[in-house]
């Protein structure tokens, strides 16, 4: 796969974000972005990757990979939510560490669940 020029700029942040998430490789993330299955939201010092997931109760814009400046990502969140709503999403969900709770609570997010994992 030929990698786009912009990939070299975001790859270190993608790799950083994947340090705690071994469900994807950087190439998986790039492939998902290029095929439109994932959306890349870059800022000057950070990245966020989202995916629209269809559930019986509606569509959710799920943020599942992030790295860099939490402040920059939080500032971009209203634009990301607006884009998701324009795509027919009725929910936004963030999968992340506890440090996301306080800044996103100020934007109307509520604690939903805890996810535990184990390699088997």
PDB file of N, CA and C in Angstrom:
ATOM      1  N   UNK A   1       0.842  -1.172   0.000  1.00  0.00           N
ATOM      2  CA  UNK A   1       0.000   0.000   0.000  1.00  0.00           C
ATOM      3  C   UNK A   1       0.891   1.242   0.000  1.00  0.00           C
ATOM      4  N   UNK A   2       0.600   2.142  -0.912  1.00  0.00           N
ATOM      5  CA  UNK A   2       1.313   3.409  -0.939  1.00  0.00           C
ATOM      6  C   UNK A   2       0.719   4.308   0.137  1.00  0.00           C
ATOM      7  N   UNK A   3       1.590   4.814   0.985  1.00  0.00           N
ATOM      8  CA  UNK A   3       1.130   5.638   2.096  1.00  0.00           C
ATOM      9  C   UNK A   3       1.117   7.110   1.676  1.00  0.00           C
ATOM     10  N   UNK A   4       0.038   7.825   2.029  1.00  0.00           N
ATOM     11  CA  UNK A   4      -0.015   9.249   1.688  1.00  0.00           C
ATOM     12  C   UNK A   4       1.047  10.040   2.445  1.00  0.00           C
ATOM     13  N   UNK A   5       1.427  11.161   1.896  1.00  0.00           N
ATOM     14  CA  UNK A   5       2.479  11.987   2.493  1.00  0.00           C
ATOM     15  C   UNK A   5       2.145  12.415   3.921  1.00  0.00           C
ATOM     16  N   UNK A   6       0.894  12.724   4.195  1.00  0.00           N
ATOM     17  CA  UNK A   6       0.501  13.193   5.528  1.00  0.00           C
ATOM     18  C   UNK A   6       0.676  12.125   6.605  1.00  0.00           C
ATOM     19  N   UNK A   7       0.731  10.855   6.198  1.00  0.00           N
ATOM     20  CA  UNK A   7       0.814   9.761   7.164  1.00  0.00           C
ATOM     21  C   UNK A   7       2.084   9.851   8.027  1.00  0.00           C
ATOM     22  N   UNK A   8       3.184  10.273   7.433  1.00  0.00           N
ATOM     23  CA  UNK A   8       4.433  10.371   8.197  1.00  0.00           C
ATOM     24  C   UNK A   8       4.321  11.359   9.357  1.00  0.00           C
ATOM     25  N   UNK A   9       3.424  12.330   9.239  1.00  0.00           N
ATOM     26  CA  UNK A   9       3.252  13.331  10.294  1.00  0.00           C
ATOM     27  C   UNK A   9       2.376  12.828  11.440  1.00  0.00           C
ATOM     28  N   UNK A  10       1.413  11.970  11.131  1.00  0.00           N
ATOM     29  CA  UNK A  10       0.507  11.477  12.172  1.00  0.00           C
ATOM     30  C   UNK A  10       0.908  10.106  12.710  1.00  0.00           C
ATOM     31  N   UNK A  11       1.753   9.374  11.989  1.00  0.00           N
ATOM     32  CA  UNK A  11       2.138   8.024  12.408  1.00  0.00           C
ATOM     33  C   UNK A  11       2.686   7.966  13.833  1.00  0.00           C
ATOM     34  N   UNK A  12       3.589   8.853  14.257  1.00  0.00           N
ATOM     35  CA  UNK A  12       4.070   8.763  15.640  1.00  0.00           C
ATOM     36  C   UNK A  12       2.947   8.881  16.674  1.00  0.00           C
ATOM     37  N   UNK A  13       1.960   9.708  16.403  1.00  0.00           N
ATOM     38  CA  UNK A  13       0.829   9.836  17.322  1.00  0.00           C
ATOM     39  C   UNK A  13      -0.067   8.606  17.277  1.00  0.00           C
ATOM     40  N   UNK A  14      -0.269   8.037  16.104  1.00  0.00           N
ATOM     41  CA  UNK A  14      -1.035   6.791  15.995  1.00  0.00           C
ATOM     42  C   UNK A  14      -0.337   5.693  16.791  1.00  0.00           C
ATOM     43  N   UNK A  15       0.964   5.587  16.621  1.00  0.00           N
ATOM     44  CA  UNK A  15       1.726   4.575  17.372  1.00  0.00           C
ATOM     45  C   UNK A  15       1.612   4.809  18.876  1.00  0.00           C
ATOM     46  N   UNK A  16       1.672   6.054  19.303  1.00  0.00           N
ATOM     47  CA  UNK A  16       1.530   6.389  20.720  1.00  0.00           C
ATOM     48  C   UNK A  16       0.153   5.967  21.227  1.00  0.00           C
ATOM     49  N   UNK A  17      -0.865   6.274  20.461  1.00  0.00           N
ATOM     50  CA  UNK A  17      -2.224   5.901  20.847  1.00  0.00           C
ATOM     51  C   UNK A  17      -2.439   4.403  20.909  1.00  0.00           C
ATOM     52  N   UNK A  18      -1.732   3.672  20.073  1.00  0.00           N
ATOM     53  CA  UNK A  18      -1.886   2.219  20.038  1.00  0.00           C
ATOM     54  C   UNK A  18      -1.087   1.511  21.140  1.00  0.00           C
ATOM     55  N   UNK A  19      -0.256   2.229  21.889  1.00  0.00           N
ATOM     56  CA  UNK A  19       0.533   1.590  22.941  1.00  0.00           C
ATOM     57  C   UNK A  19      -0.349   0.878  23.956  1.00  0.00           C
ATOM     58  N   UNK A  20      -1.512   1.396  24.237  1.00  0.00           N
ATOM     59  CA  UNK A  20      -2.443   0.780  25.197  1.00  0.00           C
ATOM     60  C   UNK A  20      -3.562   0.017  24.503  1.00  0.00           C
ATOM     61  N   UNK A  21      -3.556   0.001  23.197  1.00  0.00           N
ATOM     62  CA  UNK A  21      -4.647  -0.604  22.440  1.00  0.00           C
ATOM     63  C   UNK A  21      -4.039  -1.506  21.377  1.00  0.00           C
ATOM     64  N   UNK A  22      -3.944  -2.791  21.665  1.00  0.00           N
ATOM     65  CA  UNK A  22      -3.297  -3.691  20.713  1.00  0.00           C
ATOM     66  C   UNK A  22      -4.290  -4.331  19.749  1.00  0.00           C
ATOM     67  N   UNK A  23      -5.443  -3.701  19.550  1.00  0.00           N
ATOM     68  CA  UNK A  23      -6.441  -4.260  18.650  1.00  0.00           C
ATOM     69  C   UNK A  23      -6.164  -3.949  17.187  1.00  0.00           C
ATOM     70  N   UNK A  24      -5.289  -2.997  16.919  1.00  0.00           N
ATOM     71  CA  UNK A  24      -4.998  -2.571  15.551  1.00  0.00           C
ATOM     72  C   UNK A  24      -3.497  -2.324  15.400  1.00  0.00           C
ATOM     73  N   UNK A  25      -3.036  -2.414  14.180  1.00  0.00           N
ATOM     74  CA  UNK A  25      -1.687  -1.971  13.839  1.00  0.00           C
ATOM     75  C   UNK A  25      -1.808  -0.591  13.202  1.00  0.00           C
ATOM     76  N   UNK A  26      -0.715   0.145  13.100  1.00  0.00           N
ATOM     77  CA  UNK A  26      -0.790   1.412  12.369  1.00  0.00           C
ATOM     78  C   UNK A  26      -1.314   1.243  10.942  1.00  0.00           C
ATOM     79  N   UNK A  27      -0.915   0.168  10.274  1.00  0.00           N
ATOM     80  CA  UNK A  27      -1.418  -0.064   8.913  1.00  0.00           C
ATOM     81  C   UNK A  27      -2.923  -0.312   8.897  1.00  0.00           C
ATOM     82  N   UNK A  28      -3.457  -0.990   9.932  1.00  0.00           N
ATOM     83  CA  UNK A  28      -4.906  -1.175  10.030  1.00  0.00           C
ATOM     84  C   UNK A  28      -5.608   0.176  10.128  1.00  0.00           C
ATOM     85  N   UNK A  29      -5.049   1.066  10.940  1.00  0.00           N
ATOM     86  CA  UNK A  29      -5.634   2.391  11.120  1.00  0.00           C
ATOM     87  C   UNK A  29      -5.605   3.154   9.798  1.00  0.00           C
ATOM     88  N   UNK A  30      -4.462   3.146   9.124  1.00  0.00           N
ATOM     89  CA  UNK A  30      -4.356   3.837   7.835  1.00  0.00           C
ATOM     90  C   UNK A  30      -5.342   3.268   6.831  1.00  0.00           C
ATOM     91  N   UNK A  31      -5.433   1.955   6.751  1.00  0.00           N
ATOM     92  CA  UNK A  31      -6.365   1.326   5.815  1.00  0.00           C
ATOM     93  C   UNK A  31      -7.801   1.748   6.113  1.00  0.00           C
ATOM     94  N   UNK A  32      -8.159   1.781   7.399  1.00  0.00           N
ATOM     95  CA  UNK A  32      -9.507   2.203   7.770  1.00  0.00           C
ATOM     96  C   UNK A  32      -9.789   3.650   7.406  1.00  0.00           C
ATOM     97  N   UNK A  33      -8.790   4.504   7.554  1.00  0.00           N
ATOM     98  CA  UNK A  33      -8.948   5.914   7.179  1.00  0.00           C
ATOM     99  C   UNK A  33      -9.110   6.038   5.671  1.00  0.00           C
ATOM    100  N   UNK A  34      -8.245   5.361   4.934  1.00  0.00           N
ATOM    101  CA  UNK A  34      -8.272   5.483   3.473  1.00  0.00           C
ATOM    102  C   UNK A  34      -9.533   4.881   2.855  1.00  0.00           C
ATOM    103  N   UNK A  35     -10.116   3.878   3.503  1.00  0.00           N
ATOM    104  CA  UNK A  35     -11.337   3.268   2.975  1.00  0.00           C
ATOM    105  C   UNK A  35     -12.598   3.949   3.494  1.00  0.00           C
ATOM    106  N   UNK A  36     -12.438   4.929   4.397  1.00  0.00           N
ATOM    107  CA  UNK A  36     -13.585   5.657   4.910  1.00  0.00           C
ATOM    108  C   UNK A  36     -14.269   5.003   6.100  1.00  0.00           C
ATOM    109  N   UNK A  37     -13.728   3.911   6.596  1.00  0.00           N
ATOM    110  CA  UNK A  37     -14.313   3.267   7.774  1.00  0.00           C
ATOM    111  C   UNK A  37     -13.981   4.017   9.064  1.00  0.00           C
ATOM    112  N   UNK A  38     -12.855   4.699   9.085  1.00  0.00           N
ATOM    113  CA  UNK A  38     -12.442   5.512  10.226  1.00  0.00           C
ATOM    114  C   UNK A  38     -12.275   6.946   9.758  1.00  0.00           C
ATOM    115  N   UNK A  39     -12.378   7.859  10.710  1.00  0.00           N
ATOM    116  CA  UNK A  39     -12.163   9.268  10.415  1.00  0.00           C
ATOM    117  C   UNK A  39     -10.979   9.754  11.256  1.00  0.00           C
ATOM    118  N   UNK A  40     -10.060  10.437  10.633  1.00  0.00           N
ATOM    119  CA  UNK A  40      -8.890  10.989  11.315  1.00  0.00           C
ATOM    120  C   UNK A  40      -9.144  12.472  11.576  1.00  0.00           C
ATOM    121  N   UNK A  41      -8.977  12.864  12.851  1.00  0.00           N
ATOM    122  CA  UNK A  41      -9.142  14.253  13.271  1.00  0.00           C
ATOM    123  C   UNK A  41      -7.805  14.737  13.817  1.00  0.00           C
ATOM    124  N   UNK A  42      -6.967  15.300  12.973  1.00  0.00           N
ATOM    125  CA  UNK A  42      -5.668  15.791  13.449  1.00  0.00           C
ATOM    126  C   UNK A  42      -5.754  17.244  13.908  1.00  0.00           C
ATOM    127  N   UNK A  43      -4.950  17.565  14.894  1.00  0.00           N
ATOM    128  CA  UNK A  43      -4.739  18.949  15.294  1.00  0.00           C
ATOM    129  C   UNK A  43      -3.232  19.179  15.222  1.00  0.00           C
ATOM    130  N   UNK A  44      -2.777  20.308  15.677  1.00  0.00           N
ATOM    131  CA  UNK A  44      -1.345  20.607  15.600  1.00  0.00           C
ATOM    132  C   UNK A  44      -0.501  19.570  16.348  1.00  0.00           C
ATOM    133  N   UNK A  45      -0.970  19.145  17.524  1.00  0.00           N
ATOM    134  CA  UNK A  45      -0.175  18.256  18.377  1.00  0.00           C
ATOM    135  C   UNK A  45      -0.890  16.986  18.786  1.00  0.00           C
ATOM    136  N   UNK A  46      -1.956  16.611  18.072  1.00  0.00           N
ATOM    137  CA  UNK A  46      -2.716  15.442  18.501  1.00  0.00           C
ATOM    138  C   UNK A  46      -3.499  14.841  17.341  1.00  0.00           C
ATOM    139  N   UNK A  47      -4.022  13.637  17.622  1.00  0.00           N
ATOM    140  CA  UNK A  47      -4.918  12.983  16.663  1.00  0.00           C
ATOM    141  C   UNK A  47      -6.041  12.317  17.439  1.00  0.00           C
ATOM    142  N   UNK A  48      -7.167  12.198  16.778  1.00  0.00           N
ATOM    143  CA  UNK A  48      -8.289  11.415  17.271  1.00  0.00           C
ATOM    144  C   UNK A  48      -8.795  10.612  16.083  1.00  0.00           C
ATOM    145  N   UNK A  49      -9.130   9.358  16.320  1.00  0.00           N
ATOM    146  CA  UNK A  49      -9.694   8.511  15.267  1.00  0.00           C
ATOM    147  C   UNK A  49     -11.084   8.083  15.733  1.00  0.00           C
ATOM    148  N   UNK A  50     -12.058   8.256  14.867  1.00  0.00           N
ATOM    149  CA  UNK A  50     -13.427   7.873  15.160  1.00  0.00           C
ATOM    150  C   UNK A  50     -13.904   6.838  14.148  1.00  0.00           C
ATOM    151  N   UNK A  51     -15.029   6.232  14.507  1.00  0.00           N
ATOM    152  CA  UNK A  51     -15.675   5.259  13.634  1.00  0.00           C
ATOM    153  C   UNK A  51     -17.170   5.341  13.891  1.00  0.00           C
ATOM    154  N   UNK A  52     -17.958   5.341  12.841  1.00  0.00           N
ATOM    155  CA  UNK A  52     -19.410   5.305  12.992  1.00  0.00           C
ATOM    156  C   UNK A  52     -19.831   3.839  13.102  1.00  0.00           C
ATOM    157  N   UNK A  53     -20.571   3.543  14.174  1.00  0.00           N
ATOM    158  CA  UNK A  53     -21.052   2.188  14.412  1.00  0.00           C
ATOM    159  C   UNK A  53     -22.577   2.226  14.463  1.00  0.00           C
ATOM    160  N   UNK A  54     -23.214   1.347  13.698  1.00  0.00           N
ATOM    161  CA  UNK A  54     -24.679   1.278  13.677  1.00  0.00           C
ATOM    162  C   UNK A  54     -25.155   0.250  14.695  1.00  0.00           C
ATOM    163  N   UNK A  55     -26.017   0.692  15.584  1.00  0.00           N
ATOM    164  CA  UNK A  55     -26.664  -0.163  16.571  1.00  0.00           C
ATOM    165  C   UNK A  55     -28.156  -0.176  16.287  1.00  0.00           C
ATOM    166  N   UNK A  56     -28.906  -1.130  16.849  1.00  0.00           N
ATOM    167  CA  UNK A  56     -30.359  -1.114  16.630  1.00  0.00           C
ATOM    168  C   UNK A  56     -31.012   0.197  17.086  1.00  0.00           C
ATOM    169  N   UNK A  57     -30.425   0.857  18.084  1.00  0.00           N
ATOM    170  CA  UNK A  57     -31.014   2.096  18.609  1.00  0.00           C
ATOM    171  C   UNK A  57     -30.532   3.351  17.890  1.00  0.00           C
ATOM    172  N   UNK A  58     -29.668   3.202  16.906  1.00  0.00           N
ATOM    173  CA  UNK A  58     -29.171   4.355  16.163  1.00  0.00           C
ATOM    174  C   UNK A  58     -27.683   4.250  15.901  1.00  0.00           C
ATOM    175  N   UNK A  59     -27.135   5.295  15.318  1.00  0.00           N
ATOM    176  CA  UNK A  59     -25.707   5.323  15.003  1.00  0.00           C
ATOM    177  C   UNK A  59     -24.940   6.053  16.096  1.00  0.00           C
ATOM    178  N   UNK A  60     -23.745   5.545  16.363  1.00  0.00           N
ATOM    179  CA  UNK A  60     -22.872   6.160  17.355  1.00  0.00           C
ATOM    180  C   UNK A  60     -21.557   6.545  16.696  1.00  0.00           C
ATOM    181  N   UNK A  61     -21.096   7.742  16.998  1.00  0.00           N
ATOM    182  CA  UNK A  61     -19.773   8.161  16.569  1.00  0.00           C
ATOM    183  C   UNK A  61     -18.819   7.819  17.707  1.00  0.00           C
ATOM    184  N   UNK A  62     -18.027   6.777  17.515  1.00  0.00           N
ATOM    185  CA  UNK A  62     -17.147   6.266  18.560  1.00  0.00           C
ATOM    186  C   UNK A  62     -15.728   6.762  18.364  1.00  0.00           C
ATOM    187  N   UNK A  63     -15.211   7.440  19.368  1.00  0.00           N
ATOM    188  CA  UNK A  63     -13.806   7.862  19.381  1.00  0.00           C
ATOM    189  C   UNK A  63     -13.039   6.779  20.108  1.00  0.00           C
ATOM    190  N   UNK A  64     -12.114   6.122  19.411  1.00  0.00           N
ATOM    191  CA  UNK A  64     -11.464   4.955  20.005  1.00  0.00           C
ATOM    192  C   UNK A  64      -9.938   5.027  20.018  1.00  0.00           C
ATOM    193  N   UNK A  65      -9.366   6.025  19.393  1.00  0.00           N
ATOM    194  CA  UNK A  65      -7.911   6.141  19.382  1.00  0.00           C
ATOM    195  C   UNK A  65      -7.542   7.611  19.447  1.00  0.00           C
ATOM    196  N   UNK A  66      -6.693   7.950  20.410  1.00  0.00           N
ATOM    197  CA  UNK A  66      -6.288   9.343  20.568  1.00  0.00           C
ATOM    198  C   UNK A  66      -4.876   9.399  21.129  1.00  0.00           C
ATOM    199  N   UNK A  67      -4.193  10.460  20.804  1.00  0.00           N
ATOM    200  CA  UNK A  67      -2.867  10.719  21.366  1.00  0.00           C
ATOM    201  C   UNK A  67      -2.557  12.188  21.188  1.00  0.00           C
ATOM    202  N   UNK A  68      -1.719  12.691  22.078  1.00  0.00           N
ATOM    203  CA  UNK A  68      -1.295  14.086  21.983  1.00  0.00           C
ATOM    204  C   UNK A  68      -1.964  14.948  23.025  1.00  0.00           C
ATOM    205  N   UNK A  69      -2.349  16.126  22.621  1.00  0.00           N
ATOM    206  CA  UNK A  69      -2.890  17.142  23.521  1.00  0.00           C
ATOM    207  C   UNK A  69      -4.377  16.913  23.786  1.00  0.00           C
ATOM    208  N   UNK A  70      -4.689  16.544  25.011  1.00  0.00           N
ATOM    209  CA  UNK A  70      -6.084  16.376  25.397  1.00  0.00           C
ATOM    210  C   UNK A  70      -6.852  17.684  25.203  1.00  0.00           C
ATOM    211  N   UNK A  71      -6.220  18.798  25.545  1.00  0.00           N
ATOM    212  CA  UNK A  71      -6.853  20.117  25.398  1.00  0.00           C
ATOM    213  C   UNK A  71      -7.259  20.367  23.943  1.00  0.00           C
ATOM    214  N   UNK A  72      -6.367  20.077  22.994  1.00  0.00           N
ATOM    215  CA  UNK A  72      -6.692  20.290  21.581  1.00  0.00           C
ATOM    216  C   UNK A  72      -7.847  19.399  21.132  1.00  0.00           C
ATOM    217  N   UNK A  73      -7.836  18.159  21.584  1.00  0.00           N
ATOM    218  CA  UNK A  73      -8.906  17.233  21.187  1.00  0.00           C
ATOM    219  C   UNK A  73     -10.235  17.690  21.770  1.00  0.00           C
ATOM    220  N   UNK A  74     -10.243  18.081  23.036  1.00  0.00           N
ATOM    221  CA  UNK A  74     -11.481  18.554  23.664  1.00  0.00           C
ATOM    222  C   UNK A  74     -12.005  19.789  22.935  1.00  0.00           C
ATOM    223  N   UNK A  75     -11.122  20.696  22.542  1.00  0.00           N
ATOM    224  CA  UNK A  75     -11.550  21.894  21.802  1.00  0.00           C
ATOM    225  C   UNK A  75     -12.170  21.544  20.455  1.00  0.00           C
ATOM    226  N   UNK A  76     -11.719  20.458  19.838  1.00  0.00           N
ATOM    227  CA  UNK A  76     -12.235  20.034  18.534  1.00  0.00           C
ATOM    228  C   UNK A  76     -13.537  19.235  18.653  1.00  0.00           C
ATOM    229  N   UNK A  77     -13.839  18.751  19.850  1.00  0.00           N
ATOM    230  CA  UNK A  77     -14.977  17.854  20.055  1.00  0.00           C
ATOM    231  C   UNK A  77     -16.304  18.397  19.531  1.00  0.00           C
ATOM    232  N   UNK A  78     -16.679  19.654  19.759  1.00  0.00           N
ATOM    233  CA  UNK A  78     -17.963  20.129  19.209  1.00  0.00           C
ATOM    234  C   UNK A  78     -18.040  20.012  17.677  1.00  0.00           C
ATOM    235  N   UNK A  79     -16.944  20.265  16.977  1.00  0.00           N
ATOM    236  CA  UNK A  79     -16.940  20.115  15.515  1.00  0.00           C
ATOM    237  C   UNK A  79     -17.094  18.651  15.112  1.00  0.00           C
ATOM    238  N   UNK A  80     -16.446  17.766  15.849  1.00  0.00           N
ATOM    239  CA  UNK A  80     -16.555  16.333  15.557  1.00  0.00           C
ATOM    240  C   UNK A  80     -17.987  15.864  15.794  1.00  0.00           C
ATOM    241  N   UNK A  81     -18.589  16.307  16.902  1.00  0.00           N
ATOM    242  CA  UNK A  81     -19.974  15.938  17.199  1.00  0.00           C
ATOM    243  C   UNK A  81     -20.915  16.450  16.111  1.00  0.00           C
ATOM    244  N   UNK A  82     -20.707  17.680  15.648  1.00  0.00           N
ATOM    245  CA  UNK A  82     -21.555  18.246  14.594  1.00  0.00           C
ATOM    246  C   UNK A  82     -21.430  17.421  13.317  1.00  0.00           C
ATOM    247  N   UNK A  83     -20.209  17.012  12.992  1.00  0.00           N
ATOM    248  CA  UNK A  83     -20.007  16.169  11.811  1.00  0.00           C
ATOM    249  C   UNK A  83     -20.748  14.847  11.987  1.00  0.00           C
ATOM    250  N   UNK A  84     -20.626  14.236  13.172  1.00  0.00           N
ATOM    251  CA  UNK A  84     -21.318  12.974  13.434  1.00  0.00           C
ATOM    252  C   UNK A  84     -22.829  13.111  13.305  1.00  0.00           C
ATOM    253  N   UNK A  85     -23.373  14.177  13.858  1.00  0.00           N
ATOM    254  CA  UNK A  85     -24.821  14.406  13.743  1.00  0.00           C
ATOM    255  C   UNK A  85     -25.233  14.546  12.286  1.00  0.00           C
ATOM    256  N   UNK A  86     -24.415  15.219  11.487  1.00  0.00           N
ATOM    257  CA  UNK A  86     -24.709  15.381  10.053  1.00  0.00           C
ATOM    258  C   UNK A  86     -24.659  14.043   9.326  1.00  0.00           C
ATOM    259  N   UNK A  87     -23.950  13.065   9.897  1.00  0.00           N
ATOM    260  CA  UNK A  87     -23.882  11.729   9.305  1.00  0.00           C
ATOM    261  C   UNK A  87     -25.005  10.830   9.815  1.00  0.00           C
ATOM    262  N   UNK A  88     -25.868  11.370  10.662  1.00  0.00           N
ATOM    263  CA  UNK A  88     -26.999  10.600  11.177  1.00  0.00           C
ATOM    264  C   UNK A  88     -26.752   9.950  12.532  1.00  0.00           C
ATOM    265  N   UNK A  89     -25.659  10.297  13.195  1.00  0.00           N
ATOM    266  CA  UNK A  89     -25.382   9.731  14.515  1.00  0.00           C
ATOM    267  C   UNK A  89     -26.252  10.410  15.564  1.00  0.00           C
ATOM    268  N   UNK A  90     -26.762   9.628  16.496  1.00  0.00           N
ATOM    269  CA  UNK A  90     -27.546  10.184  17.593  1.00  0.00           C
ATOM    270  C   UNK A  90     -26.817  10.042  18.933  1.00  0.00           C
ATOM    271  N   UNK A  91     -25.563   9.592  18.878  1.00  0.00           N
ATOM    272  CA  UNK A  91     -24.774   9.397  20.095  1.00  0.00           C
ATOM    273  C   UNK A  91     -23.301   9.554  19.750  1.00  0.00           C
ATOM    274  N   UNK A  92     -22.564  10.043  20.725  1.00  0.00           N
ATOM    275  CA  UNK A  92     -21.098  10.064  20.629  1.00  0.00           C
ATOM    276  C   UNK A  92     -20.576   9.283  21.830  1.00  0.00           C
ATOM    277  N   UNK A  93     -19.582   8.444  21.593  1.00  0.00           N
ATOM    278  CA  UNK A  93     -19.012   7.627  22.650  1.00  0.00           C
ATOM    279  C   UNK A  93     -17.497   7.741  22.589  1.00  0.00           C
ATOM    280  N   UNK A  94     -16.871   7.880  23.750  1.00  0.00           N
ATOM    281  CA  UNK A  94     -15.417   7.969  23.835  1.00  0.00           C
ATOM    282  C   UNK A  94     -14.912   6.783  24.631  1.00  0.00           C
ATOM    283  N   UNK A  95     -14.041   6.013  24.028  1.00  0.00           N
ATOM    284  CA  UNK A  95     -13.365   4.918  24.726  1.00  0.00           C
ATOM    285  C   UNK A  95     -11.976   5.424  25.066  1.00  0.00           C
ATOM    286  N   UNK A  96     -11.713   5.601  26.338  1.00  0.00           N
ATOM    287  CA  UNK A  96     -10.430   6.165  26.723  1.00  0.00           C
ATOM    288  C   UNK A  96     -10.172   6.007  28.209  1.00  0.00           C
ATOM    289  N   UNK A  97      -9.068   6.560  28.621  1.00  0.00           N
ATOM    290  CA  UNK A  97      -8.672   6.487  30.027  1.00  0.00           C
ATOM    291  C   UNK A  97      -9.464   7.470  30.872  1.00  0.00           C
ATOM    292  N   UNK A  98      -9.351   7.289  32.187  1.00  0.00           N
ATOM    293  CA  UNK A  98     -10.104   8.112  33.140  1.00  0.00           C
ATOM    294  C   UNK A  98      -9.871   9.607  32.971  1.00  0.00           C
ATOM    295  N   UNK A  99      -8.688   9.999  32.479  1.00  0.00           N
ATOM    296  CA  UNK A  99      -8.397  11.430  32.374  1.00  0.00           C
ATOM    297  C   UNK A  99      -9.340  12.158  31.424  1.00  0.00           C
ATOM    298  N   UNK A 100     -10.087  11.425  30.599  1.00  0.00           N
ATOM    299  CA  UNK A 100     -11.050  12.036  29.688  1.00  0.00           C
ATOM    300  C   UNK A 100     -12.321  12.480  30.397  1.00  0.00           C
ATOM    301  N   UNK A 101     -12.619  11.892  31.552  1.00  0.00           N
ATOM    302  CA  UNK A 101     -13.916  12.134  32.189  1.00  0.00           C
ATOM    303  C   UNK A 101     -14.167  13.597  32.524  1.00  0.00           C
ATOM    304  N   UNK A 102     -13.252  14.231  33.232  1.00  0.00           N
ATOM    305  CA  UNK A 102     -13.500  15.607  33.684  1.00  0.00           C
ATOM    306  C   UNK A 102     -13.675  16.587  32.528  1.00  0.00           C
ATOM    307  N   UNK A 103     -12.757  16.628  31.553  1.00  0.00           N
ATOM    308  CA  UNK A 103     -12.959  17.618  30.487  1.00  0.00           C
ATOM    309  C   UNK A 103     -14.190  17.339  29.623  1.00  0.00           C
ATOM    310  N   UNK A 104     -14.542  16.067  29.435  1.00  0.00           N
ATOM    311  CA  UNK A 104     -15.705  15.767  28.602  1.00  0.00           C
ATOM    312  C   UNK A 104     -17.017  15.915  29.367  1.00  0.00           C
ATOM    313  N   UNK A 105     -16.978  15.778  30.677  1.00  0.00           N
ATOM    314  CA  UNK A 105     -18.185  16.026  31.479  1.00  0.00           C
ATOM    315  C   UNK A 105     -18.658  17.468  31.262  1.00  0.00           C
ATOM    316  N   UNK A 106     -17.714  18.380  31.141  1.00  0.00           N
ATOM    317  CA  UNK A 106     -18.056  19.787  30.891  1.00  0.00           C
ATOM    318  C   UNK A 106     -18.758  19.969  29.546  1.00  0.00           C
ATOM    319  N   UNK A 107     -18.597  19.005  28.641  1.00  0.00           N
ATOM    320  CA  UNK A 107     -19.262  19.064  27.330  1.00  0.00           C
ATOM    321  C   UNK A 107     -20.540  18.223  27.295  1.00  0.00           C
ATOM    322  N   UNK A 108     -20.953  17.695  28.464  1.00  0.00           N
ATOM    323  CA  UNK A 108     -22.202  16.942  28.524  1.00  0.00           C
ATOM    324  C   UNK A 108     -22.062  15.433  28.493  1.00  0.00           C
ATOM    325  N   UNK A 109     -20.847  14.925  28.519  1.00  0.00           N
ATOM    326  CA  UNK A 109     -20.641  13.476  28.511  1.00  0.00           C
ATOM    327  C   UNK A 109     -20.831  12.916  29.918  1.00  0.00           C
ATOM    328  N   UNK A 110     -21.385  11.707  29.995  1.00  0.00           N
ATOM    329  CA  UNK A 110     -21.567  11.016  31.260  1.00  0.00           C
ATOM    330  C   UNK A 110     -20.816   9.697  31.237  1.00  0.00           C
ATOM    331  N   UNK A 111     -20.397   9.260  32.427  1.00  0.00           N
ATOM    332  CA  UNK A 111     -19.751   7.956  32.553  1.00  0.00           C
ATOM    333  C   UNK A 111     -20.738   6.880  32.118  1.00  0.00           C
ATOM    334  N   UNK A 112     -20.263   5.922  31.327  1.00  0.00           N
ATOM    335  CA  UNK A 112     -21.144   4.895  30.771  1.00  0.00           C
ATOM    336  C   UNK A 112     -20.804   3.502  31.266  1.00  0.00           C
ATOM    337  N   UNK A 113     -19.549   3.077  31.125  1.00  0.00           N
ATOM    338  CA  UNK A 113     -19.183   1.733  31.532  1.00  0.00           C
ATOM    339  C   UNK A 113     -17.680   1.611  31.690  1.00  0.00           C
ATOM    340  N   UNK A 114     -17.288   0.509  32.274  1.00  0.00           N
ATOM    341  CA  UNK A 114     -15.875   0.176  32.397  1.00  0.00           C
ATOM    342  C   UNK A 114     -15.613  -1.034  31.522  1.00  0.00           C
ATOM    343  N   UNK A 115     -14.518  -1.024  30.786  1.00  0.00           N
ATOM    344  CA  UNK A 115     -14.143  -2.145  29.932  1.00  0.00           C
ATOM    345  C   UNK A 115     -12.883  -2.777  30.499  1.00  0.00           C
ATOM    346  N   UNK A 116     -12.934  -4.063  30.731  1.00  0.00           N
ATOM    347  CA  UNK A 116     -11.780  -4.817  31.218  1.00  0.00           C
ATOM    348  C   UNK A 116     -11.322  -5.754  30.122  1.00  0.00           C
ATOM    349  N   UNK A 117     -10.017  -5.928  29.985  1.00  0.00           N
ATOM    350  CA  UNK A 117      -9.512  -6.844  28.966  1.00  0.00           C
ATOM    351  C   UNK A 117      -8.498  -7.800  29.567  1.00  0.00           C
ATOM    352  N   UNK A 118      -8.312  -8.919  28.889  1.00  0.00           N
ATOM    353  CA  UNK A 118      -7.316  -9.918  29.291  1.00  0.00           C
ATOM    354  C   UNK A 118      -6.894 -10.662  28.035  1.00  0.00           C
ATOM    355  N   UNK A 119      -5.598 -10.788  27.842  1.00  0.00           N
ATOM    356  CA  UNK A 119      -5.114 -11.595  26.739  1.00  0.00           C
ATOM    357  C   UNK A 119      -5.336 -13.063  27.070  1.00  0.00           C
ATOM    358  N   UNK A 120      -5.894 -13.809  26.118  1.00  0.00           N
ATOM    359  CA  UNK A 120      -6.120 -15.250  26.335  1.00  0.00           C
ATOM    360  C   UNK A 120      -5.546 -16.049  25.193  1.00  0.00           C
TER     361      UNK A 120
END
